Amino acid sequence: PPEHCPSEALDVWHIPKTPSFMCSVRFSNKLARRIRNDYSFDIVHSQNERGSMFLAAKIAKHENIPHVHTFHSNYAGTHDMSPISSALNSMLYMRTAPKILRAIRADLPRLRIRFPHHLATRERSKLGRLDWKSVAELASYVTMFTSPASYMIDAINDATHGELAANSRVIPNGINPVFAQASRIRDRDDTVRFLSCGRLDTEKRVDVIIRAFAKLDKTDSELYILGAGTQEKSLRQLAESLSCKGRIVFLGHYEDHERVANEFANADCFVMASYHFDTQGMVLAEAAASGCSILYCDERLTVGVNKDNALLVRPSVSAIAEGMRALYSQPDMRRSMEAASKSLADSFTAAVMCEKFVESYYSTLHAYQSSK
């Protein structure tokens, strides 16, 4: 819990063995009434579409204050990795959630909603388009909405015929300052080290990174894999089957941000194979702030990457392997990319995020009060 402000934990419910995005904060009129009695608010800000959004809507309606919401999750991008649970989520929860919010905010006008036109291939399925339409419906019942991903804002505004564009903001999440403070201690003449950092789950496609590294086939290179998840055992088996044992190191999960930052700073290249799933991709900003060159394949991710510090390739194993080969064989290019990454560090601080949110709160309050 943050030290500088009041906070309290709320009850949640979660169906066992389902993805974390299906966890929900419990909400009720009684809870909303108790919170309203205990605190005085000028604005309320919710951070997920499962429970907290409804609780915030109840508070906003009864206190007659603006409701800001941040969309973090790309539900339409989950169907390839978790088809059963994602389909159930789309058909049951995501179709029900707008109706719940509409019932709470029956005082607000309903907008015309359509399927967004410009979607990634995997999001164009019937369920994927329904997910985007549901998200757009949810956005229509809040005063302002934000997301760390510009493509999410674009899809919502497309689905609502641009009627909510003035009420939307792209605000990237800030990262821990320890990443900008990290410095390299490993000898640059040592082996070329590639680093993967993230959950070892299907959607992160760490298996693609392992296969690409095997195709690189350089004995003076190594791949460090930082993280834990449901795919760890199969990924270890894959590394062994590709005769990469010893050159692929599984580090496990680190709780300490400083240890993670040190791994970034001591790597020669951070590799991310997630494709059309993540919203911001926090690790990209963390890698950049740590002064690491970046290899990635998702053109929709824009925070922490540009043409100077990152190499964008196609999402295939062969393309990522070629990207690894280019960075492996050109140390001068890596040094230039590392310097470009480090120069971006000040752009990702929590202070920058805070300033953008505070500005958004004031502009939202002003517009809300002017409309009354």
Protein backbone atom coordinates (compact mmCIF):
# COMPACT_ATOMS: atom_id res chain seq x y z
CA PRO A 1 0.00 0.00 0.00
CA PRO A 2 1.26 3.55 -0.74
CA GLU A 3 2.61 5.40 2.28
CA HIS A 4 1.52 8.89 1.24
CA CYS A 5 -2.26 8.40 1.09
CA PRO A 6 -5.11 6.46 2.72
CA SER A 7 -5.77 3.06 1.19
CA GLU A 8 -7.70 -0.08 1.94
CA ALA A 9 -7.96 -3.58 0.49
CA LEU A 10 -11.24 -4.76 -1.03
CA ASP A 11 -12.55 -8.29 -1.40
CA VAL A 12 -12.09 -9.97 -4.76
CA TRP A 13 -13.37 -13.11 -6.43
CA HIS A 14 -11.49 -15.30 -8.87
CA ILE A 15 -12.41 -18.57 -10.57
CA PRO A 16 -9.58 -21.05 -9.84
CA LYS A 17 -7.26 -21.92 -12.77
CA THR A 18 -8.49 -19.05 -14.94
CA PRO A 19 -6.27 -16.17 -16.19
CA SER A 20 -5.56 -13.30 -13.82
CA PHE A 21 -7.55 -10.86 -15.99
CA MET A 22 -10.71 -12.69 -14.87
CA CYS A 23 -10.22 -11.61 -11.24
CA SER A 24 -12.80 -9.07 -10.07
CA VAL A 25 -13.23 -6.60 -7.22
CA ARG A 26 -16.47 -7.21 -5.32
CA PHE A 27 -18.84 -4.24 -5.53
CA SER A 28 -22.19 -3.36 -4.00
CA ASN A 29 -24.37 -0.39 -3.15
CA LYS A 30 -23.51 -0.89 0.51
CA LEU A 31 -19.77 -0.72 -0.18
CA ALA A 32 -20.16 2.35 -2.39
CA ARG A 33 -22.24 4.07 0.28
CA ARG A 34 -19.69 3.28 3.00
CA ILE A 35 -16.80 4.64 0.87
CA ARG A 36 -18.76 7.80 0.12
CA ASN A 37 -19.40 8.31 3.82
CA ASP A 38 -15.75 7.72 4.76
CA TYR A 39 -14.12 9.94 2.13
CA SER A 40 -14.71 13.14 0.18
CA PHE A 41 -13.83 12.99 -3.52
CA ASP A 42 -13.59 15.47 -6.39
CA ILE A 43 -13.00 12.74 -8.97
CA VAL A 44 -12.91 8.93 -9.02
CA HIS A 45 -10.48 6.86 -11.12
CA SER A 46 -10.91 3.12 -11.76
CA GLN A 47 -8.21 0.85 -13.16
CA ASN A 48 -9.91 -2.32 -14.42
CA GLU A 49 -13.16 -3.41 -16.00
CA ARG A 50 -13.92 -6.09 -13.43
CA GLY A 51 -15.69 -4.71 -10.39
CA SER A 52 -13.73 -1.55 -9.69
CA MET A 53 -15.21 0.20 -12.71
CA PHE A 54 -18.73 -0.49 -11.44
CA LEU A 55 -17.87 0.56 -7.91
CA ALA A 56 -16.38 3.81 -9.19
CA ALA A 57 -19.47 4.41 -11.36
CA LYS A 58 -21.74 4.08 -8.33
CA ILE A 59 -19.63 6.57 -6.38
CA ALA A 60 -19.41 9.01 -9.29
CA LYS A 61 -23.16 8.96 -9.89
CA HIS A 62 -24.20 9.53 -6.28
CA GLU A 63 -21.50 12.15 -5.60
CA ASN A 64 -22.09 13.82 -9.00
CA ILE A 65 -18.37 13.83 -9.81
CA PRO A 66 -16.37 12.80 -12.90
CA HIS A 67 -15.35 9.18 -13.45
CA VAL A 68 -12.00 8.50 -15.13
CA HIS A 69 -11.13 4.98 -16.24
CA THR A 70 -7.91 3.41 -17.53
CA PHE A 71 -8.05 0.48 -19.97
CA HIS A 72 -5.06 -1.80 -19.45
CA SER A 73 -6.18 -5.09 -21.00
CA ASN A 74 -6.41 -6.13 -24.64
CA TYR A 75 -9.07 -8.84 -24.30
CA ALA A 76 -9.28 -9.36 -28.06
CA GLY A 77 -5.63 -10.42 -28.09
CA THR A 78 -6.13 -13.33 -25.68
CA HIS A 79 -8.11 -15.75 -27.85
CA ASP A 80 -5.14 -17.53 -29.44
CA MET A 81 -3.45 -18.23 -26.12
CA SER A 82 -6.40 -19.04 -23.83
CA PRO A 83 -9.21 -19.93 -26.26
CA ILE A 84 -11.67 -21.50 -23.82
CA SER A 85 -11.43 -19.04 -20.94
CA SER A 86 -11.19 -16.10 -23.37
CA ALA A 87 -14.28 -17.24 -25.28
CA LEU A 88 -16.23 -17.59 -22.03
CA ASN A 89 -15.02 -14.16 -20.97
CA SER A 90 -16.15 -12.65 -24.29
CA MET A 91 -19.57 -14.31 -24.42
CA LEU A 92 -20.44 -13.97 -20.76
CA TYR A 93 -18.62 -11.25 -18.87
CA MET A 94 -17.72 -8.82 -21.67
CA ARG A 95 -21.28 -8.85 -22.99
CA THR A 96 -22.70 -8.43 -19.49
CA ALA A 97 -20.33 -5.72 -18.20
CA PRO A 98 -21.70 -2.89 -20.41
CA LYS A 99 -25.22 -3.77 -19.32
CA ILE A 100 -24.18 -3.55 -15.67
CA LEU A 101 -22.56 -0.18 -16.24
CA ARG A 102 -25.53 1.03 -18.27
CA ALA A 103 -27.86 0.11 -15.40
CA ILE A 104 -25.69 2.06 -12.97
CA ARG A 105 -25.38 5.07 -15.27
CA ALA A 106 -28.89 5.08 -16.75
CA ASP A 107 -28.67 8.89 -16.50
CA LEU A 108 -26.12 9.03 -19.34
CA PRO A 109 -27.02 8.97 -23.05
CA ARG A 110 -26.24 5.88 -25.12
CA LEU A 111 -23.89 6.25 -28.08
CA ARG A 112 -23.80 4.48 -31.43
CA ILE A 113 -21.22 1.71 -31.22
CA ARG A 114 -19.74 -0.20 -34.15
CA PHE A 115 -16.95 -2.70 -34.68
CA PRO A 116 -13.58 -0.93 -35.06
CA HIS A 117 -12.24 -1.04 -38.61
CA HIS A 118 -8.47 -1.22 -38.12
CA LEU A 119 -7.67 -4.25 -35.98
CA ALA A 120 -4.80 -6.73 -35.85
CA THR A 121 -5.46 -9.98 -37.69
CA ARG A 122 -5.97 -12.05 -34.56
CA GLU A 123 -8.49 -9.50 -33.25
CA ARG A 124 -10.78 -9.65 -36.29
CA SER A 125 -12.57 -12.81 -35.23
CA LYS A 126 -16.19 -12.49 -34.20
CA LEU A 127 -15.27 -12.75 -30.53
CA GLY A 128 -12.38 -10.32 -30.89
CA ARG A 129 -14.57 -7.69 -32.52
CA LEU A 130 -17.21 -8.24 -29.84
CA ASP A 131 -14.55 -7.61 -27.19
CA TRP A 132 -13.59 -4.28 -28.76
CA LYS A 133 -17.23 -3.29 -29.09
CA SER A 134 -17.81 -4.11 -25.42
CA VAL A 135 -14.80 -2.05 -24.37
CA ALA A 136 -16.09 0.89 -26.43
CA GLU A 137 -19.50 0.57 -24.76
CA LEU A 138 -17.83 0.70 -21.35
CA ALA A 139 -15.88 3.80 -22.39
CA SER A 140 -19.11 5.54 -23.32
CA TYR A 141 -20.28 5.51 -19.68
CA VAL A 142 -17.28 7.28 -18.11
CA THR A 143 -16.32 10.96 -18.17
CA MET A 144 -12.81 10.37 -19.48
CA PHE A 145 -10.79 7.27 -20.35
CA THR A 146 -7.06 6.65 -20.71
CA SER A 147 -4.77 3.83 -21.77
CA PRO A 148 -1.00 3.37 -21.93
CA ALA A 149 -1.48 2.10 -25.51
CA SER A 150 -2.37 4.43 -28.36
CA TYR A 151 -3.87 1.59 -30.42
CA MET A 152 -6.44 0.95 -27.69
CA ILE A 153 -7.51 4.59 -27.65
CA ASP A 154 -7.70 4.57 -31.45
CA ALA A 155 -9.88 1.44 -31.51
CA ILE A 156 -12.30 2.82 -28.92
CA ASN A 157 -12.61 6.14 -30.74
CA ASP A 158 -13.15 4.30 -34.04
CA ALA A 159 -15.89 2.18 -32.47
CA THR A 160 -17.65 5.26 -31.07
CA HIS A 161 -17.46 7.24 -34.35
CA GLY A 162 -14.98 9.67 -32.78
CA GLU A 163 -17.59 11.05 -30.40
CA LEU A 164 -15.38 10.39 -27.36
CA ALA A 165 -12.06 11.54 -28.81
CA ALA A 166 -11.97 14.70 -26.68
CA ASN A 167 -12.43 12.55 -23.57
CA SER A 168 -9.50 10.19 -24.24
CA ARG A 169 -5.80 10.33 -23.34
CA VAL A 170 -2.77 8.12 -23.94
CA ILE A 171 -0.84 8.06 -20.67
CA PRO A 172 2.00 5.50 -20.38
CA ASN A 173 2.65 3.85 -17.04
CA GLY A 174 5.70 5.10 -15.15
CA ILE A 175 8.47 2.70 -14.16
CA ASN A 176 10.53 2.23 -11.03
CA PRO A 177 13.48 4.71 -10.89
CA VAL A 178 15.96 1.90 -10.18
CA PHE A 179 16.01 1.04 -13.90
CA ALA A 180 17.46 4.43 -14.83
CA GLN A 181 19.97 4.13 -11.99
CA ALA A 182 21.29 0.71 -13.04
CA SER A 183 24.75 0.53 -14.60
CA ARG A 184 26.66 -2.20 -16.41
CA ILE A 185 29.37 -4.06 -14.50
CA ARG A 186 29.89 -6.98 -16.93
CA ASP A 187 32.87 -6.91 -19.28
CA ARG A 188 31.84 -5.87 -22.79
CA ASP A 189 34.32 -8.32 -24.29
CA ASP A 190 32.46 -11.20 -22.65
CA THR A 191 29.85 -13.26 -24.49
CA VAL A 192 26.97 -11.43 -26.20
CA ARG A 193 24.05 -11.73 -23.80
CA PHE A 194 20.42 -11.65 -24.90
CA LEU A 195 17.78 -11.19 -22.21
CA SER A 196 14.09 -12.10 -22.03
CA CYS A 197 12.06 -10.78 -19.10
CA GLY A 198 8.40 -11.49 -18.42
CA ARG A 199 5.85 -14.14 -17.52
CA LEU A 200 6.64 -17.56 -18.91
CA ASP A 201 3.14 -17.97 -20.31
CA THR A 202 1.95 -18.77 -23.83
CA GLU A 203 1.07 -15.21 -24.85
CA LYS A 204 4.64 -14.00 -24.21
CA ARG A 205 6.03 -16.40 -26.87
CA VAL A 206 9.30 -17.10 -25.06
CA ASP A 207 9.48 -20.35 -27.02
CA VAL A 208 9.95 -18.23 -30.16
CA ILE A 209 12.91 -16.47 -28.54
CA ILE A 210 14.49 -19.81 -27.60
CA ARG A 211 14.06 -21.19 -31.13
CA ALA A 212 15.48 -17.99 -32.63
CA PHE A 213 18.47 -18.13 -30.31
CA ALA A 214 19.10 -21.74 -31.33
CA LYS A 215 19.08 -20.65 -35.01
CA LEU A 216 21.64 -17.94 -34.18
CA ASP A 217 23.96 -20.79 -33.18
CA LYS A 218 26.87 -18.77 -31.80
CA THR A 219 28.92 -20.36 -29.03
CA ASP A 220 29.97 -16.97 -27.65
CA SER A 221 26.37 -15.88 -27.11
CA GLU A 222 23.96 -16.61 -24.27
CA LEU A 223 20.29 -16.15 -23.49
CA TYR A 224 19.12 -15.25 -19.99
CA ILE A 225 15.43 -15.83 -19.27
CA LEU A 226 14.03 -13.92 -16.30
CA GLY A 227 10.55 -14.81 -15.08
CA ALA A 228 8.28 -17.66 -14.06
CA GLY A 229 4.99 -19.05 -15.29
CA THR A 230 2.97 -21.97 -16.56
CA GLN A 231 5.34 -22.69 -19.48
CA GLU A 232 8.60 -22.86 -17.52
CA LYS A 233 8.93 -26.65 -17.57
CA SER A 234 8.19 -26.97 -21.29
CA LEU A 235 10.54 -24.08 -22.09
CA ARG A 236 13.38 -25.75 -20.20
CA GLN A 237 12.71 -28.95 -22.11
CA LEU A 238 12.70 -27.03 -25.38
CA ALA A 239 16.07 -25.42 -24.59
CA GLU A 240 17.54 -28.82 -23.81
CA SER A 241 16.11 -30.43 -26.96
CA LEU A 242 17.69 -27.71 -29.12
CA SER A 243 21.12 -28.45 -27.62
CA CYS A 244 21.27 -25.02 -26.01
CA LYS A 245 21.73 -26.25 -22.46
CA GLY A 246 24.35 -24.16 -20.73
CA ARG A 247 23.94 -21.21 -23.09
CA ILE A 248 20.33 -20.62 -22.01
CA VAL A 249 20.03 -19.68 -18.34
CA PHE A 250 16.68 -19.65 -16.53
CA LEU A 251 16.92 -17.10 -13.71
CA GLY A 252 13.48 -17.64 -12.20
CA HIS A 253 11.36 -14.84 -10.74
CA TYR A 254 12.92 -11.80 -9.01
CA GLU A 255 10.91 -9.88 -6.42
CA ASP A 256 13.56 -7.14 -6.17
CA HIS A 257 13.30 -4.47 -8.88
CA GLU A 258 16.97 -3.59 -8.45
CA ARG A 259 18.02 -7.14 -9.34
CA VAL A 260 15.84 -6.99 -12.46
CA ALA A 261 17.35 -3.63 -13.42
CA ASN A 262 20.86 -5.05 -13.05
CA GLU A 263 20.01 -7.88 -15.45
CA PHE A 264 18.85 -5.33 -18.04
CA ALA A 265 21.96 -3.19 -17.58
CA ASN A 266 24.26 -6.19 -18.02
CA ALA A 267 22.52 -7.55 -21.10
CA ASP A 268 23.62 -6.67 -24.63
CA CYS A 269 20.12 -6.90 -26.06
CA PHE A 270 16.63 -7.24 -24.63
CA VAL A 271 14.38 -9.45 -26.75
CA MET A 272 10.58 -9.36 -26.64
CA ALA A 273 8.52 -11.73 -28.83
CA SER A 274 5.02 -10.88 -27.55
CA TYR A 275 2.90 -9.99 -30.57
CA HIS A 276 -0.39 -8.07 -30.66
CA PHE A 277 -1.13 -8.94 -27.04
CA ASP A 278 0.47 -6.36 -24.73
CA THR A 279 -0.83 -2.84 -24.26
CA GLN A 280 2.26 -0.89 -23.18
CA GLY A 281 4.84 -3.61 -22.58
CA MET A 282 6.40 -2.20 -19.39
CA VAL A 283 9.61 -4.19 -19.95
CA LEU A 284 10.37 -2.13 -23.06
CA ALA A 285 10.49 1.07 -21.01
CA GLU A 286 12.46 -0.71 -18.29
CA ALA A 287 14.98 -2.02 -20.82
CA ALA A 288 15.36 1.42 -22.40
CA ALA A 289 15.81 3.18 -19.07
CA SER A 290 18.49 0.62 -18.16
CA GLY A 291 20.41 1.47 -21.33
CA CYS A 292 19.75 -1.76 -23.22
CA SER A 293 19.35 -2.21 -26.97
CA ILE A 294 15.98 -3.73 -27.88
CA LEU A 295 14.75 -6.32 -30.38
CA TYR A 296 10.96 -6.63 -30.70
CA CYS A 297 8.26 -7.57 -33.21
CA ASP A 298 5.03 -5.74 -32.27
CA GLU A 299 4.67 -2.56 -34.31
CA ARG A 300 1.78 -1.37 -32.11
CA LEU A 301 4.04 -0.92 -29.07
CA THR A 302 5.49 2.58 -28.98
CA VAL A 303 6.58 3.29 -25.39
CA GLY A 304 10.32 2.82 -24.88
CA VAL A 305 11.12 2.07 -28.52
CA ASN A 306 12.09 4.13 -31.56
CA LYS A 307 14.24 3.70 -34.66
CA ASP A 308 17.40 4.68 -32.74
CA ASN A 309 17.26 2.30 -29.78
CA ALA A 310 15.24 -0.67 -31.04
CA LEU A 311 15.14 -3.05 -33.99
CA LEU A 312 11.63 -3.96 -35.16
CA VAL A 313 11.32 -7.27 -37.01
CA ARG A 314 8.55 -9.60 -38.13
CA PRO A 315 7.18 -11.97 -35.45
CA SER A 316 8.53 -15.22 -36.96
CA VAL A 317 11.32 -17.31 -35.49
CA SER A 318 13.53 -16.71 -38.52
CA ALA A 319 13.02 -12.93 -38.44
CA ILE A 320 13.85 -12.71 -34.74
CA ALA A 321 16.90 -14.92 -35.33
CA GLU A 322 18.05 -12.54 -38.07
CA GLY A 323 17.55 -9.62 -35.70
CA MET A 324 19.66 -11.39 -33.10
CA ARG A 325 22.33 -12.04 -35.71
CA ALA A 326 22.42 -8.38 -36.74
CA LEU A 327 22.83 -7.21 -33.16
CA TYR A 328 25.32 -9.96 -32.35
CA SER A 329 27.57 -9.09 -35.28
CA GLN A 330 27.48 -5.30 -34.96
CA PRO A 331 28.74 -4.19 -31.52
CA ASP A 332 28.98 -0.56 -32.66
CA MET A 333 25.28 -0.59 -33.53
CA ARG A 334 24.50 -2.04 -30.09
CA ARG A 335 26.50 0.73 -28.38
CA SER A 336 24.64 3.39 -30.35
CA MET A 337 21.28 1.81 -29.48
CA GLU A 338 22.25 1.56 -25.81
CA ALA A 339 23.04 5.29 -25.69
CA ALA A 340 19.75 6.09 -27.43
CA SER A 341 17.87 3.95 -24.91
CA LYS A 342 19.50 5.64 -21.94
CA SER A 343 18.57 9.07 -23.30
CA LEU A 344 14.89 8.10 -23.04
CA ALA A 345 14.99 7.28 -19.32
CA ASP A 346 13.50 10.59 -18.16
CA SER A 347 10.41 9.99 -20.32
CA PHE A 348 9.18 7.00 -18.34
CA THR A 349 9.29 8.18 -14.74
CA ALA A 350 6.36 7.94 -12.36
CA ALA A 351 6.61 11.74 -11.99
CA VAL A 352 5.88 12.20 -15.71
CA MET A 353 2.91 9.85 -15.47
CA CYS A 354 1.69 11.72 -12.39
CA GLU A 355 1.90 15.10 -14.15
CA LYS A 356 -0.12 13.80 -17.11
CA PHE A 357 -2.82 12.34 -14.87
CA VAL A 358 -3.09 15.47 -12.74
CA GLU A 359 -3.43 17.62 -15.87
CA SER A 360 -6.12 15.24 -17.13
CA TYR A 361 -7.96 15.38 -13.80
CA TYR A 362 -8.06 19.19 -13.84
CA SER A 363 -9.17 19.40 -17.47
CA THR A 364 -11.84 16.75 -16.83
CA LEU A 365 -13.10 18.56 -13.72
CA HIS A 366 -13.23 21.86 -15.59
CA ALA A 367 -15.16 20.37 -18.52
CA TYR A 368 -17.49 18.45 -16.19
CA GLN A 369 -18.32 21.52 -14.10
CA SER A 370 -18.78 23.67 -17.20
CA SER A 371 -21.33 21.22 -18.57
CA LYS A 372 -23.51 21.43 -15.48
